[in-house]
PDB file of N, CA and C in Angstrom:
ATOM      1  N   UNK A   1    -109.948 -19.062  72.587  1.00  0.00           N
ATOM      2  CA  UNK A   1    -109.110 -20.287  71.805  1.00  0.00           C
ATOM      3  C   UNK A   1    -109.980 -20.771  70.799  1.00  0.00           C
ATOM      4  N   UNK A   2    -110.460 -19.765  70.381  1.00  0.00           N
ATOM      5  CA  UNK A   2    -111.436 -19.883  69.079  1.00  0.00           C
ATOM      6  C   UNK A   2    -110.737 -20.609  67.803  1.00  0.00           C
ATOM      7  N   UNK A   3    -109.637 -20.128  67.672  1.00  0.00           N
ATOM      8  CA  UNK A   3    -108.746 -21.030  66.518  1.00  0.00           C
ATOM      9  C   UNK A   3    -108.132 -22.230  66.701  1.00  0.00           C
ATOM     10  N   UNK A   4    -108.073 -22.830  67.730  1.00  0.00           N
ATOM     11  CA  UNK A   4    -107.769 -24.184  68.038  1.00  0.00           C
ATOM     12  C   UNK A   4    -108.712 -24.999  68.052  1.00  0.00           C
ATOM     13  N   UNK A   5    -108.385 -26.188  67.049  1.00  0.00           N
ATOM     14  CA  UNK A   5    -108.919 -26.741  66.769  1.00  0.00           C
ATOM     15  C   UNK A   5    -108.965 -28.382  67.131  1.00  0.00           C
ATOM     16  N   UNK A   6    -108.267 -28.654  68.098  1.00  0.00           N
ATOM     17  CA  UNK A   6    -107.530 -29.883  68.401  1.00  0.00           C
ATOM     18  C   UNK A   6    -108.478 -29.931  69.958  1.00  0.00           C
ATOM     19  N   UNK A   7    -109.118 -30.647  70.145  1.00  0.00           N
ATOM     20  CA  UNK A   7    -110.081 -30.521  71.673  1.00  0.00           C
ATOM     21  C   UNK A   7    -109.068 -31.087  72.475  1.00  0.00           C
ATOM     22  N   UNK A   8    -108.203 -31.979  72.467  1.00  0.00           N
ATOM     23  CA  UNK A   8    -107.351 -32.015  73.651  1.00  0.00           C
ATOM     24  C   UNK A   8    -106.391 -30.735  73.937  1.00  0.00           C
ATOM     25  N   UNK A   9    -105.636 -30.280  73.173  1.00  0.00           N
ATOM     26  CA  UNK A   9    -105.044 -29.030  73.571  1.00  0.00           C
ATOM     27  C   UNK A   9    -105.992 -28.088  74.281  1.00  0.00           C
ATOM     28  N   UNK A  10    -107.517 -27.642  73.938  1.00  0.00           N
ATOM     29  CA  UNK A  10    -108.256 -26.941  74.338  1.00  0.00           C
ATOM     30  C   UNK A  10    -108.496 -27.318  75.785  1.00  0.00           C
ATOM     31  N   UNK A  11    -108.830 -28.452  75.892  1.00  0.00           N
ATOM     32  CA  UNK A  11    -109.080 -29.198  77.102  1.00  0.00           C
ATOM     33  C   UNK A  11    -108.012 -28.928  77.926  1.00  0.00           C
ATOM     34  N   UNK A  12    -106.668 -28.850  77.852  1.00  0.00           N
ATOM     35  CA  UNK A  12    -105.141 -28.524  78.607  1.00  0.00           C
ATOM     36  C   UNK A  12    -105.532 -26.834  78.996  1.00  0.00           C
ATOM     37  N   UNK A  13    -105.388 -26.214  77.688  1.00  0.00           N
ATOM     38  CA  UNK A  13    -105.059 -24.727  77.926  1.00  0.00           C
ATOM     39  C   UNK A  13    -106.604 -23.923  78.850  1.00  0.00           C
ATOM     40  N   UNK A  14    -107.514 -24.375  78.592  1.00  0.00           N
ATOM     41  CA  UNK A  14    -108.743 -23.443  78.779  1.00  0.00           C
ATOM     42  C   UNK A  14    -108.916 -23.179  80.470  1.00  0.00           C
ATOM     43  N   UNK A  15    -108.480 -24.505  81.193  1.00  0.00           N
ATOM     44  CA  UNK A  15    -108.098 -24.073  83.109  1.00  0.00           C
ATOM     45  C   UNK A  15    -107.207 -22.865  83.032  1.00  0.00           C
ATOM     46  N   UNK A  16    -105.847 -23.173  82.907  1.00  0.00           N
ATOM     47  CA  UNK A  16    -105.015 -22.184  82.536  1.00  0.00           C
ATOM     48  C   UNK A  16    -105.530 -20.730  82.117  1.00  0.00           C
ATOM     49  N   UNK A  17    -106.071 -20.547  80.994  1.00  0.00           N
ATOM     50  CA  UNK A  17    -106.756 -19.410  80.504  1.00  0.00           C
ATOM     51  C   UNK A  17    -107.873 -18.494  81.028  1.00  0.00           C
ATOM     52  N   UNK A  18    -108.293 -19.735  82.136  1.00  0.00           N
ATOM     53  CA  UNK A  18    -109.459 -19.167  82.982  1.00  0.00           C
ATOM     54  C   UNK A  18    -108.964 -17.990  84.093  1.00  0.00           C
ATOM     55  N   UNK A  19    -107.759 -18.939  84.860  1.00  0.00           N
ATOM     56  CA  UNK A  19    -107.238 -18.296  85.994  1.00  0.00           C
ATOM     57  C   UNK A  19    -106.409 -17.287  86.089  1.00  0.00           C
ATOM     58  N   UNK A  20    -106.435 -16.580  84.643  1.00  0.00           N
ATOM     59  CA  UNK A  20    -104.835 -15.557  84.535  1.00  0.00           C
ATOM     60  C   UNK A  20    -105.876 -14.399  84.895  1.00  0.00           C
ATOM     61  N   UNK A  21    -107.045 -14.111  84.819  1.00  0.00           N
ATOM     62  CA  UNK A  21    -107.650 -12.521  85.571  1.00  0.00           C
ATOM     63  C   UNK A  21    -107.571 -12.796  86.756  1.00  0.00           C
ATOM     64  N   UNK A  22    -107.783 -13.893  87.531  1.00  0.00           N
ATOM     65  CA  UNK A  22    -107.884 -13.812  88.903  1.00  0.00           C
ATOM     66  C   UNK A  22    -106.322 -13.614  89.139  1.00  0.00           C
ATOM     67  N   UNK A  23    -105.268 -14.053  88.822  1.00  0.00           N
ATOM     68  CA  UNK A  23    -103.780 -14.041  88.962  1.00  0.00           C
ATOM     69  C   UNK A  23    -103.449 -12.607  88.801  1.00  0.00           C
ATOM     70  N   UNK A  24    -104.072 -11.771  87.689  1.00  0.00           N
ATOM     71  CA  UNK A  24    -104.111 -10.579  87.504  1.00  0.00           C
ATOM     72  C   UNK A  24    -104.439  -9.519  88.543  1.00  0.00           C
ATOM     73  N   UNK A  25    -105.435  -9.891  89.326  1.00  0.00           N
ATOM     74  CA  UNK A  25    -106.256  -9.183  90.312  1.00  0.00           C
ATOM     75  C   UNK A  25    -105.297  -9.650  91.800  1.00  0.00           C
ATOM     76  N   UNK A  26    -104.764 -10.862  91.883  1.00  0.00           N
ATOM     77  CA  UNK A  26    -103.885 -11.226  93.149  1.00  0.00           C
ATOM     78  C   UNK A  26    -102.756 -10.028  93.116  1.00  0.00           C
ATOM     79  N   UNK A  27    -102.177 -10.121  91.643  1.00  0.00           N
ATOM     80  CA  UNK A  27    -100.743  -9.347  91.635  1.00  0.00           C
ATOM     81  C   UNK A  27    -101.354  -8.162  92.082  1.00  0.00           C
ATOM     82  N   UNK A  28    -102.048  -7.166  91.590  1.00  0.00           N
ATOM     83  CA  UNK A  28    -102.802  -5.779  91.822  1.00  0.00           C
ATOM     84  C   UNK A  28    -102.334  -5.736  93.275  1.00  0.00           C
ATOM     85  N   UNK A  29    -103.227  -6.528  93.624  1.00  0.00           N
ATOM     86  CA  UNK A  29    -103.384  -6.291  95.153  1.00  0.00           C
ATOM     87  C   UNK A  29    -102.109  -6.159  96.129  1.00  0.00           C
ATOM     88  N   UNK A  30    -100.975  -7.159  95.647  1.00  0.00           N
ATOM     89  CA  UNK A  30    -100.060  -7.496  96.089  1.00  0.00           C
ATOM     90  C   UNK A  30     -99.280  -6.147  96.146  1.00  0.00           C
ATOM     91  N   UNK A  31     -98.937  -5.857  94.800  1.00  0.00           N
ATOM     92  CA  UNK A  31     -98.360  -4.354  94.628  1.00  0.00           C
ATOM     93  C   UNK A  31     -98.883  -3.281  95.148  1.00  0.00           C
ATOM     94  N   UNK A  32    -100.099  -3.194  95.420  1.00  0.00           N
ATOM     95  CA  UNK A  32    -100.988  -2.045  96.365  1.00  0.00           C
ATOM     96  C   UNK A  32    -100.527  -2.227  97.446  1.00  0.00           C
ATOM     97  N   UNK A  33    -100.432  -3.522  98.337  1.00  0.00           N
ATOM     98  CA  UNK A  33     -99.898  -3.528  99.473  1.00  0.00           C
ATOM     99  C   UNK A  33     -98.684  -3.745 100.046  1.00  0.00           C
ATOM    100  N   UNK A  34     -97.991  -3.983  99.131  1.00  0.00           N
ATOM    101  CA  UNK A  34     -96.348  -3.917  99.643  1.00  0.00           C
ATOM    102  C   UNK A  34     -95.284  -3.215  98.691  1.00  0.00           C
ATOM    103  N   UNK A  35     -95.643  -2.701  97.596  1.00  0.00           N
ATOM    104  CA  UNK A  35     -94.967  -1.552  96.832  1.00  0.00           C
ATOM    105  C   UNK A  35     -95.714  -0.395  96.788  1.00  0.00           C
ATOM    106  N   UNK A  36     -96.812  -0.332  97.485  1.00  0.00           N
ATOM    107  CA  UNK A  36     -97.626   0.918  97.820  1.00  0.00           C
ATOM    108  C   UNK A  36     -98.052   1.743  96.248  1.00  0.00           C
ATOM    109  N   UNK A  37     -98.088   0.958  95.264  1.00  0.00           N
ATOM    110  CA  UNK A  37     -98.530   1.499  93.899  1.00  0.00           C
ATOM    111  C   UNK A  37     -99.423   0.734  93.165  1.00  0.00           C
ATOM    112  N   UNK A  38    -100.094   1.229  92.000  1.00  0.00           N
ATOM    113  CA  UNK A  38    -101.060   0.906  91.388  1.00  0.00           C
ATOM    114  C   UNK A  38    -100.582  -0.136  90.161  1.00  0.00           C
ATOM    115  N   UNK A  39    -101.408  -1.117  89.933  1.00  0.00           N
ATOM    116  CA  UNK A  39    -100.467  -1.984  88.577  1.00  0.00           C
ATOM    117  C   UNK A  39    -100.517  -1.158  87.421  1.00  0.00           C
ATOM    118  N   UNK A  40    -101.249   0.111  87.216  1.00  0.00           N
ATOM    119  CA  UNK A  40    -101.540   0.739  86.086  1.00  0.00           C
ATOM    120  C   UNK A  40    -100.569   1.571  86.152  1.00  0.00           C
ATOM    121  N   UNK A  41     -99.616   1.487  87.051  1.00  0.00           N
ATOM    122  CA  UNK A  41     -98.502   2.515  86.662  1.00  0.00           C
ATOM    123  C   UNK A  41     -97.254   1.873  85.985  1.00  0.00           C
ATOM    124  N   UNK A  42     -97.427   0.305  86.264  1.00  0.00           N
ATOM    125  CA  UNK A  42     -96.757  -0.441  85.353  1.00  0.00           C
ATOM    126  C   UNK A  42     -96.726  -1.437  84.537  1.00  0.00           C
ATOM    127  N   UNK A  43     -98.132  -1.920  84.035  1.00  0.00           N
ATOM    128  CA  UNK A  43     -98.652  -2.360  83.170  1.00  0.00           C
ATOM    129  C   UNK A  43     -98.982  -1.167  81.696  1.00  0.00           C
ATOM    130  N   UNK A  44     -99.234  -1.915  80.959  1.00  0.00           N
ATOM    131  CA  UNK A  44     -99.640  -1.557  79.597  1.00  0.00           C
ATOM    132  C   UNK A  44    -100.956  -1.060  79.731  1.00  0.00           C
ATOM    133  N   UNK A  45    -101.745   0.111  79.290  1.00  0.00           N
ATOM    134  CA  UNK A  45    -103.027   0.416  79.071  1.00  0.00           C
ATOM    135  C   UNK A  45    -103.652  -0.668  78.224  1.00  0.00           C
ATOM    136  N   UNK A  46    -103.480  -1.656  77.598  1.00  0.00           N
ATOM    137  CA  UNK A  46    -104.245  -2.284  76.984  1.00  0.00           C
ATOM    138  C   UNK A  46    -102.910  -3.569  76.554  1.00  0.00           C
ATOM    139  N   UNK A  47    -103.862  -4.984  76.448  1.00  0.00           N
ATOM    140  CA  UNK A  47    -102.747  -5.921  76.152  1.00  0.00           C
ATOM    141  C   UNK A  47    -102.501  -6.157  74.622  1.00  0.00           C
ATOM    142  N   UNK A  48    -101.444  -6.477  74.062  1.00  0.00           N
ATOM    143  CA  UNK A  48    -101.113  -6.619  72.993  1.00  0.00           C
ATOM    144  C   UNK A  48    -101.814  -7.592  71.824  1.00  0.00           C
ATOM    145  N   UNK A  49    -101.480  -7.328  70.808  1.00  0.00           N
ATOM    146  CA  UNK A  49    -102.463  -8.123  69.950  1.00  0.00           C
ATOM    147  C   UNK A  49    -102.067  -9.806  70.128  1.00  0.00           C
ATOM    148  N   UNK A  50    -103.296 -10.627  70.281  1.00  0.00           N
ATOM    149  CA  UNK A  50    -103.105 -11.740  70.281  1.00  0.00           C
ATOM    150  C   UNK A  50    -102.038 -12.392  69.112  1.00  0.00           C
ATOM    151  N   UNK A  51    -101.306 -13.453  69.206  1.00  0.00           N
ATOM    152  CA  UNK A  51    -100.504 -14.269  68.562  1.00  0.00           C
ATOM    153  C   UNK A  51    -101.731 -15.060  67.735  1.00  0.00           C
ATOM    154  N   UNK A  52    -101.295 -15.315  66.622  1.00  0.00           N
ATOM    155  CA  UNK A  52    -101.973 -16.456  65.312  1.00  0.00           C
ATOM    156  C   UNK A  52    -101.139 -17.333  65.024  1.00  0.00           C
ATOM    157  N   UNK A  53    -101.141 -18.609  65.626  1.00  0.00           N
ATOM    158  CA  UNK A  53    -100.563 -19.967  65.130  1.00  0.00           C
ATOM    159  C   UNK A  53    -101.399 -20.361  63.966  1.00  0.00           C
ATOM    160  N   UNK A  54    -100.784 -20.669  62.854  1.00  0.00           N
ATOM    161  CA  UNK A  54    -101.167 -21.412  61.701  1.00  0.00           C
ATOM    162  C   UNK A  54    -100.155 -22.297  61.372  1.00  0.00           C
ATOM    163  N   UNK A  55    -100.631 -23.306  60.159  1.00  0.00           N
ATOM    164  CA  UNK A  55     -99.488 -24.594  60.008  1.00  0.00           C
ATOM    165  C   UNK A  55     -98.558 -24.046  59.383  1.00  0.00           C
ATOM    166  N   UNK A  56     -97.556 -24.505  59.404  1.00  0.00           N
ATOM    167  CA  UNK A  56     -96.190 -24.465  58.499  1.00  0.00           C
ATOM    168  C   UNK A  56     -96.892 -24.899  56.927  1.00  0.00           C
ATOM    169  N   UNK A  57     -97.200 -24.368  56.020  1.00  0.00           N
ATOM    170  CA  UNK A  57     -97.433 -24.725  54.868  1.00  0.00           C
ATOM    171  C   UNK A  57     -96.418 -25.619  54.114  1.00  0.00           C
ATOM    172  N   UNK A  58     -94.945 -25.144  54.527  1.00  0.00           N
ATOM    173  CA  UNK A  58     -94.069 -24.992  53.325  1.00  0.00           C
ATOM    174  C   UNK A  58     -93.251 -26.868  53.189  1.00  0.00           C
TER     175      UNK A  58
END
């Protein structure tokens, strides 16, 4: 969240951002146990480029 300037928005979004890696690990484990396949078989090899939000200047 380097580009977020509003501390209130950062305070709301940081806890959610911090849980995302753990959710990925849980999902991968569930796929392994219930589908019998690895997450790498269905996921992209690398994450997409991050979106950049900028103020509307028009």
